[in-house]
Amino acid sequence: MLDFNGVTIGFAVTGSFCTFGDAFEQARNLTRFGAKLIPIMSENAFNINTRFGGAAARKQELEEICGAGIITTIADAEPFGPKKMADVLLVCPCTGNTMAKLANSITDTPVTMAVKSHIRNNRPAVLCVATNDALAGNAKNIGMLMNLRNYYFVPLRQDDSEKKPASVISDFTKVPETVKYALKGKQIQPVIF
């Protein structure tokens, strides 16, 4: 069993709504392994009601899992770096939109600000990808981020090569192990399966 006692994880959620169940399951696992989680949500993840569930219920569930209020503003996310609030920052799920912003140094959401602020201290950021355009418009962004220091990826694969050939999803069950590797400065392998 993995041991995360004494480890603080920034747990950032972006708008891949269909994967929230998997993401929240991994948040539960990380807390079971002893991690302290600081929840962060993008504006869309925080506010939009979808066919996968209502925003109010999602917010309540994440706060209960983490035992803390959700960071929802850029101003509240900025201290991640100066205050060294987390040992690792996990974006779970990480949309193509968020990856594109990170790859191009755009910090206009609470999640991108938290990541930018966090990695300035040479601390790891783990991306758990879930996007329909990973092998299209976002392929270059994945490549850029894989080539940057302090970014680590949860192993990923095509999720429906017949109907959605450009779509990729990470194996959410590998989140804890990927975080453990990232804390040691290593990328779990294989990263593509």
N, C-alpha and C. Protein backbone atom coordinates (compact mmCIF):
# COMPACT_ATOMS: atom_id res chain seq x y z
N MET A 1 0.84 -1.18 0.00
CA MET A 1 0.00 0.00 0.00
C MET A 1 0.89 1.25 0.00
N LEU A 2 0.45 2.27 -0.73
CA LEU A 2 1.19 3.52 -0.78
C LEU A 2 0.99 4.32 0.50
N ASP A 3 2.02 5.04 0.89
CA ASP A 3 1.96 5.85 2.11
C ASP A 3 2.18 7.31 1.74
N PHE A 4 1.17 8.13 1.98
CA PHE A 4 1.26 9.55 1.71
C PHE A 4 1.16 10.37 3.00
N ASN A 5 1.45 9.77 4.13
CA ASN A 5 1.43 10.51 5.38
C ASN A 5 2.44 11.66 5.31
N GLY A 6 1.98 12.85 5.69
CA GLY A 6 2.83 14.02 5.65
C GLY A 6 2.93 14.68 4.29
N VAL A 7 2.23 14.16 3.29
CA VAL A 7 2.26 14.73 1.94
C VAL A 7 1.00 15.57 1.71
N THR A 8 1.20 16.79 1.23
CA THR A 8 0.09 17.67 0.88
C THR A 8 0.00 17.75 -0.64
N ILE A 9 -1.20 17.48 -1.15
CA ILE A 9 -1.45 17.45 -2.59
C ILE A 9 -2.48 18.52 -2.94
N GLY A 10 -2.11 19.41 -3.85
CA GLY A 10 -3.10 20.29 -4.45
C GLY A 10 -3.89 19.46 -5.43
N PHE A 11 -5.21 19.34 -5.20
CA PHE A 11 -6.05 18.48 -6.05
C PHE A 11 -6.92 19.38 -6.92
N ALA A 12 -6.48 19.60 -8.16
CA ALA A 12 -7.15 20.53 -9.07
C ALA A 12 -8.06 19.78 -10.03
N VAL A 13 -9.27 20.31 -10.21
CA VAL A 13 -10.28 19.68 -11.05
C VAL A 13 -10.65 20.64 -12.18
N THR A 14 -10.57 20.14 -13.42
CA THR A 14 -11.02 20.93 -14.56
C THR A 14 -12.19 20.20 -15.22
N GLY A 15 -12.77 20.81 -16.26
CA GLY A 15 -14.09 20.43 -16.74
C GLY A 15 -14.30 19.21 -17.60
N SER A 16 -13.61 18.13 -17.39
CA SER A 16 -13.94 16.88 -18.07
C SER A 16 -14.98 16.18 -17.22
N PHE A 17 -16.21 16.65 -17.31
CA PHE A 17 -17.28 16.26 -16.39
C PHE A 17 -17.55 14.76 -16.34
N CYS A 18 -17.39 14.08 -17.47
CA CYS A 18 -17.69 12.65 -17.50
C CYS A 18 -16.68 11.83 -16.69
N THR A 19 -15.57 12.43 -16.30
CA THR A 19 -14.56 11.69 -15.53
C THR A 19 -14.52 12.08 -14.06
N PHE A 20 -15.44 12.93 -13.62
CA PHE A 20 -15.42 13.38 -12.22
C PHE A 20 -15.54 12.22 -11.23
N GLY A 21 -16.34 11.23 -11.56
CA GLY A 21 -16.48 10.07 -10.67
C GLY A 21 -15.14 9.38 -10.45
N ASP A 22 -14.40 9.16 -11.53
CA ASP A 22 -13.08 8.53 -11.43
C ASP A 22 -12.10 9.42 -10.66
N ALA A 23 -12.15 10.72 -10.94
CA ALA A 23 -11.24 11.65 -10.27
C ALA A 23 -11.51 11.69 -8.77
N PHE A 24 -12.76 11.78 -8.40
CA PHE A 24 -13.10 11.86 -6.98
C PHE A 24 -12.78 10.55 -6.25
N GLU A 25 -12.89 9.43 -6.97
CA GLU A 25 -12.50 8.14 -6.37
C GLU A 25 -11.01 8.17 -6.02
N GLN A 26 -10.20 8.75 -6.90
CA GLN A 26 -8.77 8.83 -6.62
C GLN A 26 -8.47 9.83 -5.50
N ALA A 27 -9.26 10.87 -5.39
CA ALA A 27 -9.10 11.79 -4.25
C ALA A 27 -9.35 11.02 -2.95
N ARG A 28 -10.37 10.20 -2.95
CA ARG A 28 -10.65 9.37 -1.76
C ARG A 28 -9.47 8.44 -1.46
N ASN A 29 -8.94 7.81 -2.51
CA ASN A 29 -7.81 6.89 -2.32
C ASN A 29 -6.61 7.63 -1.73
N LEU A 30 -6.31 8.80 -2.26
CA LEU A 30 -5.16 9.56 -1.76
C LEU A 30 -5.33 9.91 -0.28
N THR A 31 -6.54 10.26 0.13
CA THR A 31 -6.76 10.56 1.55
C THR A 31 -6.66 9.29 2.39
N ARG A 32 -7.14 8.16 1.85
CA ARG A 32 -6.99 6.88 2.56
C ARG A 32 -5.53 6.52 2.77
N PHE A 33 -4.69 6.91 1.82
CA PHE A 33 -3.25 6.65 1.93
C PHE A 33 -2.54 7.69 2.78
N GLY A 34 -3.30 8.60 3.39
CA GLY A 34 -2.73 9.55 4.33
C GLY A 34 -2.47 10.95 3.83
N ALA A 35 -2.73 11.23 2.54
CA ALA A 35 -2.46 12.56 1.99
C ALA A 35 -3.46 13.59 2.49
N LYS A 36 -2.98 14.81 2.62
CA LYS A 36 -3.84 15.97 2.86
C LYS A 36 -4.08 16.60 1.50
N LEU A 37 -5.36 16.82 1.14
CA LEU A 37 -5.69 17.39 -0.15
C LEU A 37 -6.20 18.82 -0.01
N ILE A 38 -5.72 19.70 -0.88
CA ILE A 38 -6.23 21.06 -0.99
C ILE A 38 -6.98 21.14 -2.31
N PRO A 39 -8.31 21.25 -2.28
CA PRO A 39 -9.08 21.24 -3.53
C PRO A 39 -9.06 22.58 -4.26
N ILE A 40 -8.94 22.49 -5.57
CA ILE A 40 -8.98 23.65 -6.46
C ILE A 40 -9.90 23.27 -7.61
N MET A 41 -10.72 24.20 -8.07
CA MET A 41 -11.56 23.92 -9.23
C MET A 41 -11.51 25.08 -10.20
N SER A 42 -11.54 24.75 -11.50
CA SER A 42 -11.68 25.78 -12.52
C SER A 42 -13.10 26.34 -12.41
N GLU A 43 -13.31 27.50 -13.00
CA GLU A 43 -14.64 28.12 -12.94
C GLU A 43 -15.70 27.20 -13.54
N ASN A 44 -15.38 26.57 -14.68
CA ASN A 44 -16.34 25.69 -15.33
C ASN A 44 -16.64 24.46 -14.48
N ALA A 45 -15.61 23.84 -13.95
CA ALA A 45 -15.83 22.66 -13.10
C ALA A 45 -16.66 23.02 -11.87
N PHE A 46 -16.45 24.22 -11.36
CA PHE A 46 -17.13 24.67 -10.15
C PHE A 46 -18.59 25.07 -10.39
N ASN A 47 -18.89 25.61 -11.57
CA ASN A 47 -20.19 26.25 -11.78
C ASN A 47 -21.17 25.56 -12.71
N ILE A 48 -20.72 24.71 -13.61
CA ILE A 48 -21.60 24.20 -14.65
C ILE A 48 -22.32 22.93 -14.22
N ASN A 49 -23.65 22.94 -14.40
CA ASN A 49 -24.47 21.73 -14.22
C ASN A 49 -24.46 20.99 -15.56
N THR A 50 -24.25 19.67 -15.51
CA THR A 50 -24.22 18.88 -16.74
C THR A 50 -25.06 17.62 -16.58
N ARG A 51 -25.13 16.86 -17.65
CA ARG A 51 -25.86 15.59 -17.58
C ARG A 51 -25.16 14.60 -16.66
N PHE A 52 -23.92 14.90 -16.26
CA PHE A 52 -23.16 14.03 -15.36
C PHE A 52 -23.32 14.43 -13.90
N GLY A 53 -24.07 15.49 -13.64
CA GLY A 53 -24.32 15.89 -12.26
C GLY A 53 -24.37 17.40 -12.09
N GLY A 54 -24.91 17.80 -10.94
CA GLY A 54 -25.04 19.21 -10.62
C GLY A 54 -23.80 19.77 -9.94
N ALA A 55 -23.55 21.03 -10.18
CA ALA A 55 -22.37 21.69 -9.62
C ALA A 55 -22.39 21.70 -8.09
N ALA A 56 -23.54 21.97 -7.50
CA ALA A 56 -23.61 22.05 -6.03
C ALA A 56 -23.25 20.71 -5.38
N ALA A 57 -23.75 19.62 -5.95
CA ALA A 57 -23.44 18.29 -5.39
C ALA A 57 -21.95 17.96 -5.55
N ARG A 58 -21.37 18.32 -6.71
CA ARG A 58 -19.94 18.08 -6.93
C ARG A 58 -19.09 18.84 -5.93
N LYS A 59 -19.42 20.10 -5.74
CA LYS A 59 -18.66 20.93 -4.79
C LYS A 59 -18.70 20.33 -3.39
N GLN A 60 -19.90 19.96 -2.98
CA GLN A 60 -20.06 19.38 -1.64
C GLN A 60 -19.27 18.09 -1.50
N GLU A 61 -19.33 17.24 -2.52
CA GLU A 61 -18.62 15.96 -2.48
C GLU A 61 -17.11 16.18 -2.37
N LEU A 62 -16.57 17.09 -3.18
CA LEU A 62 -15.13 17.32 -3.15
C LEU A 62 -14.69 17.91 -1.82
N GLU A 63 -15.46 18.82 -1.29
CA GLU A 63 -15.12 19.41 0.02
C GLU A 63 -15.16 18.37 1.13
N GLU A 64 -16.12 17.45 1.06
CA GLU A 64 -16.19 16.38 2.06
C GLU A 64 -15.00 15.44 1.95
N ILE A 65 -14.60 15.09 0.73
CA ILE A 65 -13.45 14.21 0.53
C ILE A 65 -12.18 14.86 1.07
N CYS A 66 -12.00 16.13 0.74
CA CYS A 66 -10.76 16.83 1.09
C CYS A 66 -10.77 17.40 2.51
N GLY A 67 -11.95 17.59 3.06
CA GLY A 67 -12.04 18.20 4.38
C GLY A 67 -11.61 19.66 4.38
N ALA A 68 -11.81 20.33 3.24
CA ALA A 68 -11.40 21.73 3.11
C ALA A 68 -12.25 22.42 2.06
N GLY A 69 -12.34 23.74 2.16
CA GLY A 69 -13.03 24.54 1.15
C GLY A 69 -12.25 24.56 -0.15
N ILE A 70 -12.96 24.76 -1.24
CA ILE A 70 -12.38 24.73 -2.57
C ILE A 70 -11.82 26.10 -2.94
N ILE A 71 -10.62 26.10 -3.48
CA ILE A 71 -10.03 27.33 -4.02
C ILE A 71 -10.64 27.54 -5.40
N THR A 72 -11.24 28.73 -5.59
CA THR A 72 -11.98 28.98 -6.82
C THR A 72 -11.59 30.29 -7.51
N THR A 73 -10.59 30.98 -6.99
CA THR A 73 -10.19 32.24 -7.62
C THR A 73 -8.69 32.24 -7.89
N ILE A 74 -8.29 33.04 -8.86
CA ILE A 74 -6.87 33.18 -9.18
C ILE A 74 -6.13 33.74 -7.98
N ALA A 75 -6.72 34.71 -7.31
CA ALA A 75 -6.06 35.32 -6.15
C ALA A 75 -5.81 34.30 -5.05
N ASP A 76 -6.74 33.40 -4.82
CA ASP A 76 -6.56 32.39 -3.78
C ASP A 76 -5.61 31.27 -4.20
N ALA A 77 -5.43 31.09 -5.52
CA ALA A 77 -4.52 30.05 -6.01
C ALA A 77 -3.07 30.53 -6.08
N GLU A 78 -2.86 31.82 -6.19
CA GLU A 78 -1.50 32.37 -6.36
C GLU A 78 -0.54 32.00 -5.23
N PRO A 79 -0.97 31.91 -3.96
CA PRO A 79 -0.03 31.59 -2.89
C PRO A 79 0.56 30.17 -2.92
N PHE A 80 0.12 29.31 -3.83
CA PHE A 80 0.68 27.95 -3.87
C PHE A 80 2.20 27.98 -3.95
N GLY A 81 2.74 28.90 -4.72
CA GLY A 81 4.20 29.00 -4.84
C GLY A 81 4.84 29.68 -3.65
N PRO A 82 4.48 30.95 -3.39
CA PRO A 82 5.14 31.67 -2.30
C PRO A 82 5.03 30.98 -0.94
N LYS A 83 3.88 30.37 -0.68
CA LYS A 83 3.68 29.72 0.62
C LYS A 83 4.03 28.24 0.60
N LYS A 84 4.45 27.75 -0.56
CA LYS A 84 4.77 26.32 -0.71
C LYS A 84 3.69 25.45 -0.07
N MET A 85 2.46 25.65 -0.54
CA MET A 85 1.28 25.03 0.05
C MET A 85 1.19 23.53 -0.18
N ALA A 86 1.83 23.02 -1.25
CA ALA A 86 1.69 21.59 -1.58
C ALA A 86 3.04 20.99 -1.96
N ASP A 87 3.16 19.70 -1.72
CA ASP A 87 4.35 18.96 -2.16
C ASP A 87 4.25 18.61 -3.63
N VAL A 88 3.04 18.38 -4.09
CA VAL A 88 2.76 18.03 -5.48
C VAL A 88 1.40 18.61 -5.83
N LEU A 89 1.24 19.00 -7.10
CA LEU A 89 -0.05 19.51 -7.55
C LEU A 89 -0.56 18.56 -8.63
N LEU A 90 -1.74 18.02 -8.41
CA LEU A 90 -2.36 17.05 -9.31
C LEU A 90 -3.56 17.69 -10.00
N VAL A 91 -3.57 17.69 -11.34
CA VAL A 91 -4.72 18.17 -12.10
C VAL A 91 -5.46 16.93 -12.58
N CYS A 92 -6.65 16.70 -12.00
CA CYS A 92 -7.36 15.42 -12.17
C CYS A 92 -8.87 15.65 -12.18
N PRO A 93 -9.50 15.68 -13.33
CA PRO A 93 -8.97 15.51 -14.68
C PRO A 93 -8.35 16.79 -15.21
N CYS A 94 -7.50 16.62 -16.21
CA CYS A 94 -6.87 17.75 -16.90
C CYS A 94 -7.38 17.78 -18.33
N THR A 95 -8.13 18.82 -18.66
CA THR A 95 -8.70 18.95 -19.99
C THR A 95 -7.64 19.40 -21.00
N GLY A 96 -7.97 19.26 -22.27
CA GLY A 96 -7.12 19.78 -23.32
C GLY A 96 -6.97 21.29 -23.22
N ASN A 97 -8.02 21.97 -22.84
CA ASN A 97 -7.99 23.42 -22.67
C ASN A 97 -6.95 23.81 -21.62
N THR A 98 -6.97 23.11 -20.50
CA THR A 98 -6.00 23.41 -19.43
C THR A 98 -4.59 23.07 -19.87
N MET A 99 -4.40 21.94 -20.56
CA MET A 99 -3.06 21.59 -21.05
C MET A 99 -2.53 22.64 -22.00
N ALA A 100 -3.39 23.14 -22.90
CA ALA A 100 -2.97 24.17 -23.85
C ALA A 100 -2.53 25.43 -23.12
N LYS A 101 -3.26 25.79 -22.09
CA LYS A 101 -2.89 26.98 -21.32
C LYS A 101 -1.56 26.77 -20.59
N LEU A 102 -1.38 25.61 -19.98
CA LEU A 102 -0.13 25.34 -19.28
C LEU A 102 1.05 25.32 -20.24
N ALA A 103 0.86 24.71 -21.41
CA ALA A 103 1.95 24.62 -22.39
C ALA A 103 2.35 25.99 -22.92
N ASN A 104 1.41 26.92 -22.89
CA ASN A 104 1.67 28.25 -23.43
C ASN A 104 1.73 29.33 -22.34
N SER A 105 1.92 28.91 -21.10
CA SER A 105 2.10 29.82 -19.96
C SER A 105 0.95 30.81 -19.78
N ILE A 106 -0.26 30.34 -19.98
CA ILE A 106 -1.45 31.17 -19.77
C ILE A 106 -2.00 30.84 -18.39
N THR A 107 -2.14 31.84 -17.56
CA THR A 107 -2.59 31.63 -16.17
C THR A 107 -3.85 32.44 -15.90
N ASP A 108 -4.95 32.02 -16.52
CA ASP A 108 -6.19 32.78 -16.38
C ASP A 108 -7.30 32.01 -15.68
N THR A 109 -6.95 30.93 -14.97
CA THR A 109 -7.91 30.20 -14.16
C THR A 109 -7.26 29.87 -12.83
N PRO A 110 -8.05 29.52 -11.82
CA PRO A 110 -7.46 29.11 -10.54
C PRO A 110 -6.51 27.92 -10.70
N VAL A 111 -6.85 26.99 -11.57
CA VAL A 111 -6.02 25.80 -11.76
C VAL A 111 -4.68 26.16 -12.41
N THR A 112 -4.72 26.91 -13.50
CA THR A 112 -3.46 27.24 -14.17
C THR A 112 -2.59 28.13 -13.28
N MET A 113 -3.21 29.00 -12.51
CA MET A 113 -2.43 29.83 -11.58
C MET A 113 -1.79 28.98 -10.50
N ALA A 114 -2.54 28.03 -9.95
CA ALA A 114 -1.98 27.16 -8.91
C ALA A 114 -0.79 26.38 -9.45
N VAL A 115 -0.92 25.83 -10.66
CA VAL A 115 0.17 25.05 -11.25
C VAL A 115 1.38 25.95 -11.49
N LYS A 116 1.16 27.09 -12.12
CA LYS A 116 2.28 28.00 -12.42
C LYS A 116 3.00 28.42 -11.14
N SER A 117 2.22 28.78 -10.14
CA SER A 117 2.80 29.23 -8.88
C SER A 117 3.56 28.09 -8.20
N HIS A 118 3.00 26.89 -8.28
CA HIS A 118 3.59 25.71 -7.64
C HIS A 118 4.92 25.30 -8.28
N ILE A 119 4.95 25.21 -9.62
CA ILE A 119 6.15 24.68 -10.28
C ILE A 119 7.32 25.66 -10.25
N ARG A 120 7.05 26.91 -9.90
CA ARG A 120 8.18 27.85 -9.83
C ARG A 120 9.17 27.45 -8.73
N ASN A 121 8.73 26.61 -7.81
CA ASN A 121 9.59 26.11 -6.73
C ASN A 121 10.20 24.75 -7.07
N ASN A 122 10.18 24.39 -8.35
CA ASN A 122 10.70 23.09 -8.80
C ASN A 122 9.98 21.93 -8.11
N ARG A 123 8.69 22.10 -7.92
CA ARG A 123 7.88 21.02 -7.35
C ARG A 123 7.06 20.37 -8.46
N PRO A 124 6.71 19.11 -8.32
CA PRO A 124 6.05 18.39 -9.40
C PRO A 124 4.57 18.72 -9.57
N ALA A 125 4.17 18.74 -10.85
CA ALA A 125 2.76 18.84 -11.23
C ALA A 125 2.42 17.60 -12.04
N VAL A 126 1.36 16.91 -11.64
CA VAL A 126 0.94 15.67 -12.30
C VAL A 126 -0.36 15.96 -13.07
N LEU A 127 -0.37 15.57 -14.34
CA LEU A 127 -1.55 15.78 -15.18
C LEU A 127 -2.22 14.44 -15.49
N CYS A 128 -3.50 14.38 -15.18
CA CYS A 128 -4.33 13.20 -15.45
C CYS A 128 -5.26 13.59 -16.61
N VAL A 129 -4.82 13.30 -17.82
CA VAL A 129 -5.43 13.81 -19.04
C VAL A 129 -6.78 13.15 -19.34
N ALA A 130 -7.71 13.99 -19.80
CA ALA A 130 -8.99 13.53 -20.32
C ALA A 130 -9.46 14.56 -21.35
N THR A 131 -9.21 14.26 -22.63
CA THR A 131 -9.57 15.22 -23.67
C THR A 131 -9.87 14.51 -24.99
N ASN A 132 -10.81 15.06 -25.73
CA ASN A 132 -11.19 14.48 -27.01
C ASN A 132 -10.26 14.88 -28.16
N ASP A 133 -9.34 15.80 -27.92
CA ASP A 133 -8.47 16.23 -29.02
C ASP A 133 -6.98 16.05 -28.73
N ALA A 134 -6.65 15.09 -27.88
CA ALA A 134 -5.25 14.87 -27.50
C ALA A 134 -4.38 14.50 -28.69
N LEU A 135 -4.93 13.76 -29.65
CA LEU A 135 -4.15 13.34 -30.81
C LEU A 135 -4.46 14.21 -32.03
N ALA A 136 -5.02 15.37 -31.76
CA ALA A 136 -5.28 16.36 -32.81
C ALA A 136 -4.64 17.67 -32.35
N GLY A 137 -5.45 18.68 -32.10
CA GLY A 137 -4.93 19.99 -31.74
C GLY A 137 -4.09 20.03 -30.48
N ASN A 138 -4.30 19.12 -29.56
CA ASN A 138 -3.56 19.14 -28.30
C ASN A 138 -2.32 18.25 -28.30
N ALA A 139 -2.05 17.54 -29.37
CA ALA A 139 -0.87 16.67 -29.41
C ALA A 139 0.40 17.48 -29.17
N LYS A 140 0.48 18.66 -29.78
CA LYS A 140 1.69 19.48 -29.61
C LYS A 140 1.84 19.94 -28.16
N ASN A 141 0.71 20.21 -27.49
CA ASN A 141 0.77 20.67 -26.10
C ASN A 141 1.21 19.55 -25.16
N ILE A 142 0.73 18.34 -25.41
CA ILE A 142 1.18 17.20 -24.62
C ILE A 142 2.69 17.02 -24.80
N GLY A 143 3.14 17.09 -26.05
CA GLY A 143 4.56 16.96 -26.33
C GLY A 143 5.38 18.04 -25.64
N MET A 144 4.90 19.27 -25.67
CA MET A 144 5.61 20.37 -25.00
C MET A 144 5.70 20.12 -23.50
N LEU A 145 4.58 19.74 -22.90
CA LEU A 145 4.57 19.54 -21.44
C LEU A 145 5.41 18.34 -21.03
N MET A 146 5.40 17.29 -21.85
CA MET A 146 6.23 16.12 -21.53
C MET A 146 7.72 16.47 -21.56
N ASN A 147 8.05 17.50 -22.30
CA ASN A 147 9.44 17.91 -22.46
C ASN A 147 9.86 18.97 -21.44
N LEU A 148 8.93 19.44 -20.62
CA LEU A 148 9.24 20.46 -19.61
C LEU A 148 9.53 19.82 -18.26
N ARG A 149 10.41 20.43 -17.54
CA ARG A 149 10.75 19.98 -16.20
C ARG A 149 9.54 20.16 -15.26
N ASN A 150 9.38 19.24 -14.35
CA ASN A 150 8.37 19.27 -13.29
C ASN A 150 6.96 18.86 -13.71
N TYR A 151 6.73 18.52 -14.97
CA TYR A 151 5.43 18.00 -15.40
C TYR A 151 5.52 16.49 -15.54
N TYR A 152 4.52 15.79 -15.00
CA TYR A 152 4.45 14.33 -15.05
C TYR A 152 3.05 13.93 -15.48
N PHE A 153 2.95 12.84 -16.19
CA PHE A 153 1.66 12.39 -16.73
C PHE A 153 1.25 11.05 -16.14
N VAL A 154 -0.03 10.98 -15.77
CA VAL A 154 -0.63 9.69 -15.44
C VAL A 154 -0.71 8.92 -16.76
N PRO A 155 -0.33 7.64 -16.80
CA PRO A 155 -0.35 6.88 -18.05
C PRO A 155 -1.68 7.05 -18.81
N LEU A 156 -1.56 7.19 -20.12
CA LEU A 156 -2.74 7.50 -20.93
C LEU A 156 -2.84 6.60 -22.15
N ARG A 157 -4.06 6.57 -22.70
CA ARG A 157 -4.34 5.74 -23.87
C ARG A 157 -5.52 6.32 -24.65
N GLN A 158 -5.69 5.85 -25.88
CA GLN A 158 -6.91 6.20 -26.61
C GLN A 158 -8.08 5.55 -25.90
N ASP A 159 -9.18 6.27 -25.79
CA ASP A 159 -10.31 5.68 -25.07
C ASP A 159 -11.38 5.12 -25.99
N ASP A 160 -11.43 5.52 -27.26
CA ASP A 160 -12.39 4.95 -28.21
C ASP A 160 -11.86 5.24 -29.61
N SER A 161 -10.92 4.43 -30.06
CA SER A 161 -10.24 4.69 -31.33
C SER A 161 -11.16 4.62 -32.54
N GLU A 162 -12.26 3.91 -32.41
CA GLU A 162 -13.22 3.81 -33.52
C GLU A 162 -14.06 5.09 -33.67
N LYS A 163 -14.70 5.51 -32.59
CA LYS A 163 -15.63 6.64 -32.66
C LYS A 163 -14.96 7.98 -32.39
N LYS A 164 -13.87 7.97 -31.60
CA LYS A 164 -13.19 9.22 -31.24
C LYS A 164 -11.68 9.01 -31.37
N PRO A 165 -11.16 8.93 -32.59
CA PRO A 165 -9.76 8.56 -32.78
C PRO A 165 -8.74 9.54 -32.19
N ALA A 166 -9.12 10.76 -31.90
CA ALA A 166 -8.17 11.73 -31.33
C ALA A 166 -8.30 11.82 -29.81
N SER A 167 -9.20 11.07 -29.22
CA SER A 167 -9.50 11.16 -27.79
C SER A 167 -8.57 10.30 -26.96
N VAL A 168 -8.11 10.87 -25.83
CA VAL A 168 -7.20 10.17 -24.93
C VAL A 168 -7.67 10.36 -23.50
N ILE A 169 -7.48 9.32 -22.70
CA ILE A 169 -7.81 9.40 -21.28
C ILE A 169 -6.71 8.71 -20.48
N SER A 170 -6.42 9.28 -19.33
CA SER A 170 -5.45 8.66 -18.43
C SER A 170 -6.10 7.50 -17.69
N ASP A 171 -5.29 6.60 -17.20
CA ASP A 171 -5.75 5.50 -16.36
C ASP A 171 -5.81 6.03 -14.93
N PHE A 172 -6.99 6.44 -14.52
CA PHE A 172 -7.16 7.08 -13.21
C PHE A 172 -6.67 6.19 -12.07
N THR A 173 -6.72 4.87 -12.24
CA THR A 173 -6.26 3.99 -11.17
C THR A 173 -4.75 4.13 -10.92
N LYS A 174 -4.04 4.73 -11.86
CA LYS A 174 -2.59 4.92 -11.72
C LYS A 174 -2.23 6.26 -11.06
N VAL A 175 -3.23 7.04 -10.66
CA VAL A 175 -2.96 8.36 -10.07
C VAL A 175 -2.05 8.26 -8.84
N PRO A 176 -2.39 7.46 -7.83
CA PRO A 176 -1.52 7.44 -6.64
C PRO A 176 -0.08 7.05 -6.95
N GLU A 177 0.10 6.03 -7.78
CA GLU A 177 1.45 5.57 -8.11
C GLU A 177 2.22 6.64 -8.90
N THR A 178 1.52 7.33 -9.82
CA THR A 178 2.16 8.40 -10.59
C THR A 178 2.60 9.53 -9.68
N VAL A 179 1.75 9.89 -8.72
CA VAL A 179 2.09 10.95 -7.76
C VAL A 179 3.32 10.54 -6.96
N LYS A 180 3.38 9.29 -6.53
CA LYS A 180 4.54 8.81 -5.76
C LYS A 180 5.82 8.93 -6.58
N TYR A 181 5.77 8.53 -7.84
CA TYR A 181 6.94 8.66 -8.72
C TYR A 181 7.31 10.13 -8.89
N ALA A 182 6.32 10.98 -9.14
CA ALA A 182 6.58 12.41 -9.37
C ALA A 182 7.25 13.05 -8.16
N LEU A 183 6.87 12.63 -6.97
CA LEU A 183 7.51 13.16 -5.76
C LEU A 183 8.99 12.82 -5.71
N LYS A 184 9.39 11.77 -6.44
CA LYS A 184 10.80 11.38 -6.53
C LYS A 184 11.47 11.97 -7.78
N GLY A 185 10.72 12.79 -8.53
CA GLY A 185 11.26 13.38 -9.75
C GLY A 185 11.31 12.43 -10.92
N LYS A 186 10.43 11.42 -10.93
CA LYS A 186 10.45 10.41 -11.99
C LYS A 186 9.08 10.31 -12.65
N GLN A 187 9.11 10.03 -13.96
CA GLN A 187 7.89 9.76 -14.72
C GLN A 187 7.61 8.27 -14.68
N ILE A 188 6.42 7.90 -14.23
CA ILE A 188 6.03 6.49 -14.25
C ILE A 188 6.03 6.00 -15.69
N GLN A 189 6.40 4.75 -15.88
CA GLN A 189 6.43 4.15 -17.22
C GLN A 189 5.63 2.87 -17.25
N PRO A 190 5.07 2.47 -18.37
CA PRO A 190 5.01 3.26 -19.58
C PRO A 190 4.00 4.40 -19.44
N VAL A 191 4.26 5.51 -20.09
CA VAL A 191 3.35 6.64 -19.99
C VAL A 191 2.21 6.52 -21.00
N ILE A 192 2.45 5.78 -22.09
CA ILE A 192 1.41 5.51 -23.07
C ILE A 192 1.25 3.99 -23.14
N PHE A 193 0.01 3.51 -22.98
CA PHE A 193 -0.20 2.06 -23.01
C PHE A 193 -1.34 1.68 -23.93
